[in-house]
């Protein structure tokens, strides 16, 4: 084996090893933080333990924050990005109908290795619509509004998040939830990229010499 071919293959092998070492076992955690953007129907915003509220008439909607940890890097996870509870004292035949525009800030923390202990955040938005809510009935729907996904690198990792689904709460009963997807992957270190370039360059040099030898 020629020296140039040997060096090229060695550099490529080292680049692959360095790149895969960045994917060593690691984890990240996240917390969510709701805020009320606007409420129709003359509603008023408020706070509750671990979240925010919106009240119109006798109906109160609570948006509850979530804390999760232990997600492996790299990975893609379907996660809970917030709980939704609805309570009312409005008695039939009266009912409450209104909408809530909210923002859900998701703050991610990288727990190295790989990368460094840094945090980054992005915001997802949505609109909750409550129709005909009273102690006997009510319909609650949700529509995620743009931007419904965000991504970016921080702490040596690349994260992306997107809104996904909605489970409706029961009036004066069980909570519903907002769902999302969180993905993470290791960002190749500069040294890895250099070594990969050297490896590919070495392989290219070997091919070029073979072509010249064939022509000769």
C-alpha atoms as a PDB file:
ATOM      1  CA  UNK A   1       0.000   0.000   0.000  1.00  0.00           C
ATOM      2  CA  UNK A   2       1.383   3.433  -0.982  1.00  0.00           C
ATOM      3  CA  UNK A   3       2.130   6.043   1.700  1.00  0.00           C
ATOM      4  CA  UNK A   4      -0.450   8.483   0.346  1.00  0.00           C
ATOM      5  CA  UNK A   5      -3.160   5.836   0.287  1.00  0.00           C
ATOM      6  CA  UNK A   6      -2.254   4.744   3.806  1.00  0.00           C
ATOM      7  CA  UNK A   7      -2.376   8.299   5.147  1.00  0.00           C
ATOM      8  CA  UNK A   8      -5.663   8.997   3.404  1.00  0.00           C
ATOM      9  CA  UNK A   9      -7.352   5.936   4.832  1.00  0.00           C
ATOM     10  CA  UNK A  10      -5.925   6.631   8.304  1.00  0.00           C
ATOM     11  CA  UNK A  11      -7.215  10.201   8.265  1.00  0.00           C
ATOM     12  CA  UNK A  12     -10.645   9.040   7.129  1.00  0.00           C
ATOM     13  CA  UNK A  13     -10.749   6.391   9.853  1.00  0.00           C
ATOM     14  CA  UNK A  14      -9.761   8.905  12.539  1.00  0.00           C
ATOM     15  CA  UNK A  15     -12.435  11.340  11.300  1.00  0.00           C
ATOM     16  CA  UNK A  16     -15.096   8.670  11.549  1.00  0.00           C
ATOM     17  CA  UNK A  17     -13.971   7.706  15.041  1.00  0.00           C
ATOM     18  CA  UNK A  18     -13.865  11.300  16.239  1.00  0.00           C
ATOM     19  CA  UNK A  19     -17.301  12.002  14.757  1.00  0.00           C
ATOM     20  CA  UNK A  20     -18.900   8.982  16.374  1.00  0.00           C
ATOM     21  CA  UNK A  21     -17.282   9.681  19.741  1.00  0.00           C
ATOM     22  CA  UNK A  22     -19.360  12.884  19.959  1.00  0.00           C
ATOM     23  CA  UNK A  23     -22.459  10.686  20.082  1.00  0.00           C
ATOM     24  CA  UNK A  24     -21.430   9.139  23.409  1.00  0.00           C
ATOM     25  CA  UNK A  25     -24.105   8.621  26.029  1.00  0.00           C
ATOM     26  CA  UNK A  26     -25.459  11.964  27.202  1.00  0.00           C
ATOM     27  CA  UNK A  27     -28.767  13.500  28.151  1.00  0.00           C
ATOM     28  CA  UNK A  28     -30.748  16.703  28.063  1.00  0.00           C
ATOM     29  CA  UNK A  29     -33.619  18.095  30.103  1.00  0.00           C
ATOM     30  CA  UNK A  30     -36.309  20.643  29.394  1.00  0.00           C
ATOM     31  CA  UNK A  31     -38.827  22.860  31.160  1.00  0.00           C
ATOM     32  CA  UNK A  32     -41.803  24.708  29.715  1.00  0.00           C
ATOM     33  CA  UNK A  33     -43.172  28.116  30.635  1.00  0.00           C
ATOM     34  CA  UNK A  34     -46.587  29.338  29.470  1.00  0.00           C
ATOM     35  CA  UNK A  35     -47.709  32.905  28.926  1.00  0.00           C
ATOM     36  CA  UNK A  36     -51.073  34.307  27.821  1.00  0.00           C
ATOM     37  CA  UNK A  37     -50.865  36.415  24.663  1.00  0.00           C
ATOM     38  CA  UNK A  38     -54.536  37.413  24.499  1.00  0.00           C
ATOM     39  CA  UNK A  39     -58.024  36.348  25.617  1.00  0.00           C
ATOM     40  CA  UNK A  40     -61.256  37.061  23.777  1.00  0.00           C
ATOM     41  CA  UNK A  41     -64.593  37.670  25.486  1.00  0.00           C
ATOM     42  CA  UNK A  42     -63.278  40.124  28.078  1.00  0.00           C
ATOM     43  CA  UNK A  43     -61.257  37.503  29.907  1.00  0.00           C
ATOM     44  CA  UNK A  44     -58.571  38.097  32.507  1.00  0.00           C
ATOM     45  CA  UNK A  45     -55.171  36.382  32.827  1.00  0.00           C
ATOM     46  CA  UNK A  46     -53.845  35.054  36.100  1.00  0.00           C
ATOM     47  CA  UNK A  47     -51.398  32.620  37.650  1.00  0.00           C
ATOM     48  CA  UNK A  48     -51.627  29.258  39.348  1.00  0.00           C
ATOM     49  CA  UNK A  49     -49.103  26.872  40.852  1.00  0.00           C
ATOM     50  CA  UNK A  50     -46.736  25.999  38.019  1.00  0.00           C
ATOM     51  CA  UNK A  51     -48.582  27.840  35.268  1.00  0.00           C
ATOM     52  CA  UNK A  52     -50.953  30.555  34.097  1.00  0.00           C
ATOM     53  CA  UNK A  53     -54.731  30.919  33.890  1.00  0.00           C
ATOM     54  CA  UNK A  54     -57.345  32.625  31.744  1.00  0.00           C
ATOM     55  CA  UNK A  55     -60.846  33.269  33.086  1.00  0.00           C
ATOM     56  CA  UNK A  56     -63.997  34.272  31.181  1.00  0.00           C
ATOM     57  CA  UNK A  57     -67.327  34.297  33.014  1.00  0.00           C
ATOM     58  CA  UNK A  58     -67.332  31.320  35.336  1.00  0.00           C
ATOM     59  CA  UNK A  59     -64.793  29.291  33.297  1.00  0.00           C
ATOM     60  CA  UNK A  60     -61.079  29.119  34.032  1.00  0.00           C
ATOM     61  CA  UNK A  61     -58.440  27.505  31.822  1.00  0.00           C
ATOM     62  CA  UNK A  62     -55.119  26.556  33.447  1.00  0.00           C
ATOM     63  CA  UNK A  63     -51.995  26.046  31.332  1.00  0.00           C
ATOM     64  CA  UNK A  64     -49.562  24.024  33.429  1.00  0.00           C
ATOM     65  CA  UNK A  65     -45.803  23.844  32.892  1.00  0.00           C
ATOM     66  CA  UNK A  66     -43.828  20.615  32.432  1.00  0.00           C
ATOM     67  CA  UNK A  67     -40.353  19.540  33.613  1.00  0.00           C
ATOM     68  CA  UNK A  68     -38.632  16.474  32.103  1.00  0.00           C
ATOM     69  CA  UNK A  69     -35.102  15.061  32.075  1.00  0.00           C
ATOM     70  CA  UNK A  70     -33.033  12.068  31.077  1.00  0.00           C
ATOM     71  CA  UNK A  71     -33.425  12.135  27.291  1.00  0.00           C
ATOM     72  CA  UNK A  72     -30.509  10.518  25.496  1.00  0.00           C
ATOM     73  CA  UNK A  73     -28.474  12.353  22.856  1.00  0.00           C
ATOM     74  CA  UNK A  74     -28.879  11.775  19.948  1.00  0.00           C
ATOM     75  CA  UNK A  75     -32.593  10.983  19.944  1.00  0.00           C
ATOM     76  CA  UNK A  76     -36.071  11.984  18.835  1.00  0.00           C
ATOM     77  CA  UNK A  77     -38.774  11.998  21.499  1.00  0.00           C
ATOM     78  CA  UNK A  78     -42.509  12.601  21.569  1.00  0.00           C
ATOM     79  CA  UNK A  79     -43.001  14.685  24.699  1.00  0.00           C
ATOM     80  CA  UNK A  80     -45.549  16.556  26.759  1.00  0.00           C
ATOM     81  CA  UNK A  81     -45.058  20.316  26.423  1.00  0.00           C
ATOM     82  CA  UNK A  82     -47.875  21.380  28.736  1.00  0.00           C
ATOM     83  CA  UNK A  83     -51.056  20.331  30.534  1.00  0.00           C
ATOM     84  CA  UNK A  84     -54.465  21.969  30.133  1.00  0.00           C
ATOM     85  CA  UNK A  85     -57.215  21.997  32.783  1.00  0.00           C
ATOM     86  CA  UNK A  86     -60.706  23.520  32.517  1.00  0.00           C
ATOM     87  CA  UNK A  87     -63.005  24.264  35.451  1.00  0.00           C
ATOM     88  CA  UNK A  88     -66.317  26.117  35.459  1.00  0.00           C
ATOM     89  CA  UNK A  89     -69.112  27.241  37.736  1.00  0.00           C
ATOM     90  CA  UNK A  90     -71.342  28.373  34.865  1.00  0.00           C
ATOM     91  CA  UNK A  91     -74.661  26.500  35.141  1.00  0.00           C
ATOM     92  CA  UNK A  92     -76.825  25.534  32.148  1.00  0.00           C
ATOM     93  CA  UNK A  93     -78.436  26.888  30.095  1.00  0.00           C
ATOM     94  CA  UNK A  94     -75.805  29.647  30.274  1.00  0.00           C
ATOM     95  CA  UNK A  95     -72.380  28.876  28.770  1.00  0.00           C
ATOM     96  CA  UNK A  96     -69.000  30.464  28.106  1.00  0.00           C
ATOM     97  CA  UNK A  97     -67.371  30.728  24.662  1.00  0.00           C
ATOM     98  CA  UNK A  98     -63.972  32.328  24.120  1.00  0.00           C
ATOM     99  CA  UNK A  99     -60.458  31.838  22.730  1.00  0.00           C
ATOM    100  CA  UNK A 100     -57.002  31.993  24.330  1.00  0.00           C
ATOM    101  CA  UNK A 101     -53.829  32.755  22.405  1.00  0.00           C
ATOM    102  CA  UNK A 102     -50.834  31.410  24.310  1.00  0.00           C
ATOM    103  CA  UNK A 103     -47.066  31.059  24.024  1.00  0.00           C
ATOM    104  CA  UNK A 104     -45.156  28.046  25.313  1.00  0.00           C
ATOM    105  CA  UNK A 105     -41.449  28.654  25.905  1.00  0.00           C
ATOM    106  CA  UNK A 106     -39.413  25.430  25.947  1.00  0.00           C
ATOM    107  CA  UNK A 107     -36.004  25.718  27.584  1.00  0.00           C
ATOM    108  CA  UNK A 108     -33.542  22.887  26.883  1.00  0.00           C
ATOM    109  CA  UNK A 109     -30.421  22.129  28.907  1.00  0.00           C
ATOM    110  CA  UNK A 110     -27.554  20.044  27.581  1.00  0.00           C
ATOM    111  CA  UNK A 111     -25.965  17.751  30.200  1.00  0.00           C
ATOM    112  CA  UNK A 112     -22.500  16.959  28.765  1.00  0.00           C
ATOM    113  CA  UNK A 113     -20.725  15.120  27.336  1.00  0.00           C
ATOM    114  CA  UNK A 114     -20.881  15.770  24.443  1.00  0.00           C
ATOM    115  CA  UNK A 115     -20.841  19.557  24.280  1.00  0.00           C
ATOM    116  CA  UNK A 116     -20.994  21.929  27.217  1.00  0.00           C
ATOM    117  CA  UNK A 117     -23.532  22.657  29.949  1.00  0.00           C
ATOM    118  CA  UNK A 118     -25.583  25.295  28.178  1.00  0.00           C
ATOM    119  CA  UNK A 119     -29.252  26.079  27.740  1.00  0.00           C
ATOM    120  CA  UNK A 120     -31.278  27.303  24.806  1.00  0.00           C
ATOM    121  CA  UNK A 121     -34.945  28.084  24.291  1.00  0.00           C
ATOM    122  CA  UNK A 122     -37.563  28.345  21.597  1.00  0.00           C
ATOM    123  CA  UNK A 123     -41.257  29.305  21.623  1.00  0.00           C
ATOM    124  CA  UNK A 124     -44.285  27.497  20.222  1.00  0.00           C
ATOM    125  CA  UNK A 125     -47.660  29.207  19.850  1.00  0.00           C
ATOM    126  CA  UNK A 126     -51.282  28.098  19.796  1.00  0.00           C
ATOM    127  CA  UNK A 127     -54.919  29.052  20.190  1.00  0.00           C
ATOM    128  CA  UNK A 128     -57.344  27.290  22.518  1.00  0.00           C
ATOM    129  CA  UNK A 129     -61.040  27.640  21.682  1.00  0.00           C
ATOM    130  CA  UNK A 130     -63.730  26.891  24.270  1.00  0.00           C
ATOM    131  CA  UNK A 131     -67.311  26.602  23.032  1.00  0.00           C
ATOM    132  CA  UNK A 132     -70.501  26.285  25.077  1.00  0.00           C
ATOM    133  CA  UNK A 133     -68.706  25.486  28.320  1.00  0.00           C
ATOM    134  CA  UNK A 134     -70.837  24.988  31.424  1.00  0.00           C
ATOM    135  CA  UNK A 135     -71.128  22.443  34.209  1.00  0.00           C
ATOM    136  CA  UNK A 136     -72.949  20.094  31.859  1.00  0.00           C
ATOM    137  CA  UNK A 137     -70.972  20.296  28.620  1.00  0.00           C
ATOM    138  CA  UNK A 138     -68.337  22.063  26.565  1.00  0.00           C
ATOM    139  CA  UNK A 139     -65.977  21.624  23.628  1.00  0.00           C
ATOM    140  CA  UNK A 140     -62.258  22.508  23.866  1.00  0.00           C
ATOM    141  CA  UNK A 141     -60.050  22.542  20.763  1.00  0.00           C
ATOM    142  CA  UNK A 142     -56.500  23.660  20.043  1.00  0.00           C
ATOM    143  CA  UNK A 143     -54.722  24.865  16.911  1.00  0.00           C
ATOM    144  CA  UNK A 144     -50.961  25.364  16.893  1.00  0.00           C
ATOM    145  CA  UNK A 145     -50.053  28.599  15.112  1.00  0.00           C
ATOM    146  CA  UNK A 146     -46.836  29.644  13.437  1.00  0.00           C
ATOM    147  CA  UNK A 147     -44.079  29.226  14.078  1.00  0.00           C
ATOM    148  CA  UNK A 148     -44.894  25.620  14.996  1.00  0.00           C
ATOM    149  CA  UNK A 149     -41.236  24.518  15.015  1.00  0.00           C
ATOM    150  CA  UNK A 150     -37.802  25.948  15.771  1.00  0.00           C
ATOM    151  CA  UNK A 151     -34.247  24.626  15.881  1.00  0.00           C
ATOM    152  CA  UNK A 152     -30.641  25.610  16.429  1.00  0.00           C
ATOM    153  CA  UNK A 153     -27.271  24.648  17.902  1.00  0.00           C
ATOM    154  CA  UNK A 154     -26.107  25.369  21.431  1.00  0.00           C
ATOM    155  CA  UNK A 155     -23.830  23.681  23.923  1.00  0.00           C
ATOM    156  CA  UNK A 156     -22.231  21.552  21.219  1.00  0.00           C
ATOM    157  CA  UNK A 157     -25.560  19.953  20.259  1.00  0.00           C
ATOM    158  CA  UNK A 158     -28.207  20.622  17.647  1.00  0.00           C
ATOM    159  CA  UNK A 159     -31.780  20.719  18.944  1.00  0.00           C
ATOM    160  CA  UNK A 160     -35.097  21.021  17.167  1.00  0.00           C
ATOM    161  CA  UNK A 161     -38.635  21.123  18.495  1.00  0.00           C
ATOM    162  CA  UNK A 162     -42.099  21.099  16.982  1.00  0.00           C
ATOM    163  CA  UNK A 163     -45.719  21.173  18.088  1.00  0.00           C
ATOM    164  CA  UNK A 164     -47.513  17.880  17.498  1.00  0.00           C
ATOM    165  CA  UNK A 165     -50.916  17.119  19.010  1.00  0.00           C
ATOM    166  CA  UNK A 166     -53.581  18.000  21.563  1.00  0.00           C
ATOM    167  CA  UNK A 167     -55.535  15.889  24.041  1.00  0.00           C
ATOM    168  CA  UNK A 168     -58.669  17.700  25.154  1.00  0.00           C
ATOM    169  CA  UNK A 169     -59.318  18.103  28.891  1.00  0.00           C
ATOM    170  CA  UNK A 170     -62.625  17.200  30.547  1.00  0.00           C
ATOM    171  CA  UNK A 171     -64.598  20.113  31.977  1.00  0.00           C
ATOM    172  CA  UNK A 172     -64.288  19.917  35.778  1.00  0.00           C
ATOM    173  CA  UNK A 173     -62.437  16.629  35.256  1.00  0.00           C
ATOM    174  CA  UNK A 174     -59.143  15.249  33.969  1.00  0.00           C
ATOM    175  CA  UNK A 175     -56.472  17.416  32.385  1.00  0.00           C
ATOM    176  CA  UNK A 176     -55.600  17.413  28.710  1.00  0.00           C
ATOM    177  CA  UNK A 177     -52.145  17.937  27.221  1.00  0.00           C
ATOM    178  CA  UNK A 178     -50.197  19.604  24.458  1.00  0.00           C
ATOM    179  CA  UNK A 179     -47.755  17.332  22.655  1.00  0.00           C
ATOM    180  CA  UNK A 180     -44.526  18.007  20.827  1.00  0.00           C
ATOM    181  CA  UNK A 181     -41.399  16.441  19.324  1.00  0.00           C
ATOM    182  CA  UNK A 182     -37.886  17.178  20.572  1.00  0.00           C
ATOM    183  CA  UNK A 183     -34.848  15.993  18.621  1.00  0.00           C
ATOM    184  CA  UNK A 184     -31.145  16.275  19.392  1.00  0.00           C
ATOM    185  CA  UNK A 185     -27.879  15.350  17.725  1.00  0.00           C
ATOM    186  CA  UNK A 186     -24.185  16.043  18.263  1.00  0.00           C
ATOM    187  CA  UNK A 187     -22.675  18.876  16.239  1.00  0.00           C
ATOM    188  CA  UNK A 188     -19.403  17.662  14.646  1.00  0.00           C
ATOM    189  CA  UNK A 189     -16.395  19.294  16.304  1.00  0.00           C
ATOM    190  CA  UNK A 190     -14.137  21.410  14.062  1.00  0.00           C
ATOM    191  CA  UNK A 191     -11.349  18.857  14.488  1.00  0.00           C
ATOM    192  CA  UNK A 192     -13.663  16.147  13.202  1.00  0.00           C
ATOM    193  CA  UNK A 193     -14.453  18.170  10.088  1.00  0.00           C
ATOM    194  CA  UNK A 194     -10.756  18.839   9.431  1.00  0.00           C
ATOM    195  CA  UNK A 195      -9.860  15.176   9.786  1.00  0.00           C
ATOM    196  CA  UNK A 196     -12.753  14.185   7.551  1.00  0.00           C
ATOM    197  CA  UNK A 197     -11.551  16.639   4.939  1.00  0.00           C
ATOM    198  CA  UNK A 198      -8.029  15.257   5.141  1.00  0.00           C
ATOM    199  CA  UNK A 199      -9.322  11.727   4.808  1.00  0.00           C
ATOM    200  CA  UNK A 200     -11.437  12.506   1.780  1.00  0.00           C
ATOM    201  CA  UNK A 201      -8.570  14.498   0.295  1.00  0.00           C
ATOM    202  CA  UNK A 202      -6.205  11.582   0.732  1.00  0.00           C
ATOM    203  CA  UNK A 203      -8.607   9.178  -0.924  1.00  0.00           C
ATOM    204  CA  UNK A 204      -9.069  11.638  -3.797  1.00  0.00           C
ATOM    205  CA  UNK A 205      -5.306  11.925  -4.244  1.00  0.00           C
ATOM    206  CA  UNK A 206      -4.977   8.144  -4.494  1.00  0.00           C
ATOM    207  CA  UNK A 207      -7.696   8.016  -7.178  1.00  0.00           C
ATOM    208  CA  UNK A 208      -6.032  10.836  -9.142  1.00  0.00           C
ATOM    209  CA  UNK A 209      -2.677   9.006  -9.127  1.00  0.00           C
ATOM    210  CA  UNK A 210      -4.356   5.809 -10.317  1.00  0.00           C
ATOM    211  CA  UNK A 211      -5.941   7.666 -13.247  1.00  0.00           C
ATOM    212  CA  UNK A 212      -2.610   9.197 -14.242  1.00  0.00           C
ATOM    213  CA  UNK A 213      -0.869   5.812 -14.006  1.00  0.00           C
ATOM    214  CA  UNK A 214      -3.550   4.251 -16.241  1.00  0.00           C
ATOM    215  CA  UNK A 215      -3.191   6.973 -18.855  1.00  0.00           C
ATOM    216  CA  UNK A 216       0.589   6.571 -18.823  1.00  0.00           C
END
